[in-house]
Amino acid sequence: KHGARFDFQDNSGQTCVHIACQSGIADPVFEFIINNSPDSCLNIRNQSGGTPLDLIYLSTYEQASLSRLRRLHLLLARKG
């Protein structure tokens, strides 16, 4: 809305989508980022070669990771 770029990468190649998938951010923030980011953001690799989906899988927060994977699947299905 205000010109924020979801594909902007920091010094380690992380986008806000990477960070949302990797961290334990609140559900509404996670959903906002996933619902408003272009699908191409899901394929961006950070400097370690990881995509946002890779980071969910590799997350050390096992329960949060499974929960986020389920939510990501549902949100992507909604995007069509």
Protein backbone atom coordinates (compact mmCIF):
# COMPACT_ATOMS: atom_id res chain seq x y z
CA LYS A 1 0.00 0.00 0.00
CA HIS A 2 2.74 2.43 0.94
CA GLY A 3 5.38 1.11 -1.42
CA ALA A 4 6.83 -1.60 0.83
CA ARG A 5 8.63 -4.27 -1.16
CA PHE A 6 8.13 -7.84 -0.02
CA ASP A 7 11.06 -8.96 -2.19
CA PHE A 8 13.59 -6.63 -0.52
CA GLN A 9 16.51 -8.68 0.80
CA ASP A 10 18.68 -7.74 3.77
CA ASN A 11 22.45 -8.36 3.97
CA SER A 12 21.89 -12.09 4.47
CA GLY A 13 19.38 -12.38 1.64
CA GLN A 14 16.36 -12.62 3.93
CA THR A 15 13.05 -11.09 2.85
CA CYS A 16 10.17 -10.33 5.21
CA VAL A 17 8.65 -13.60 3.97
CA HIS A 18 11.76 -15.53 5.10
CA ILE A 19 11.62 -13.83 8.49
CA ALA A 20 7.88 -14.45 8.88
CA CYS A 21 8.32 -18.13 8.09
CA GLN A 22 11.35 -18.54 10.32
CA SER A 23 10.20 -16.66 13.40
CA GLY A 24 7.35 -17.04 15.82
CA ILE A 25 5.62 -13.81 14.82
CA ALA A 26 1.96 -13.34 15.65
CA ASP A 27 -0.53 -15.04 13.34
CA PRO A 28 -2.12 -11.81 12.02
CA VAL A 29 1.30 -10.47 10.99
CA PHE A 30 2.22 -13.79 9.37
CA GLU A 31 -1.07 -13.88 7.47
CA PHE A 32 -0.70 -10.25 6.34
CA ILE A 33 2.75 -10.92 4.92
CA ILE A 34 1.74 -14.16 3.19
CA ASN A 35 -1.53 -12.74 1.83
CA ASN A 36 0.10 -9.60 0.45
CA SER A 37 3.42 -10.88 -0.89
CA PRO A 38 3.73 -11.98 -4.51
CA ASP A 39 4.10 -15.71 -5.12
CA SER A 40 7.59 -15.07 -6.52
CA CYS A 41 8.75 -14.24 -2.98
CA LEU A 42 8.35 -17.90 -2.03
CA ASN A 43 11.14 -18.81 -4.46
CA ILE A 44 13.71 -16.23 -3.34
CA ARG A 45 16.75 -17.86 -1.78
CA ASN A 46 18.75 -16.28 1.01
CA GLN A 47 22.57 -16.39 1.10
CA SER A 48 22.42 -19.88 2.61
CA GLY A 49 20.28 -21.05 -0.31
CA GLY A 50 17.07 -21.33 1.71
CA THR A 51 13.60 -20.37 0.53
CA PRO A 52 10.90 -19.31 3.02
CA LEU A 53 9.42 -22.82 2.87
CA ASP A 54 12.86 -24.31 3.63
CA LEU A 55 13.06 -22.10 6.71
CA ILE A 56 9.72 -23.34 8.00
CA TYR A 57 10.91 -26.91 7.59
CA LEU A 58 14.27 -26.23 9.24
CA SER A 59 12.85 -24.15 12.08
CA THR A 60 13.97 -25.18 15.54
CA TYR A 61 10.48 -24.51 16.87
CA GLU A 62 8.99 -27.86 15.87
CA GLN A 63 5.40 -27.20 16.90
CA ALA A 64 5.39 -23.65 15.56
CA SER A 65 7.04 -24.94 12.42
CA LEU A 66 4.31 -27.52 11.78
CA SER A 67 1.65 -24.94 12.54
CA ARG A 68 3.22 -22.45 10.13
CA LEU A 69 3.56 -25.10 7.43
CA ARG A 70 -0.16 -25.88 7.74
CA ARG A 71 -1.04 -22.17 7.64
CA LEU A 72 1.24 -21.53 4.68
CA HIS A 73 -0.41 -24.39 2.80
CA LEU A 74 -3.89 -23.00 3.54
CA LEU A 75 -2.91 -19.46 2.61
CA LEU A 76 -1.30 -20.53 -0.66
CA ALA A 77 -4.36 -22.59 -1.53
CA ARG A 78 -6.52 -19.50 -0.94
CA LYS A 79 -4.35 -17.46 -3.30
CA GLY A 80 -5.21 -19.92 -6.06
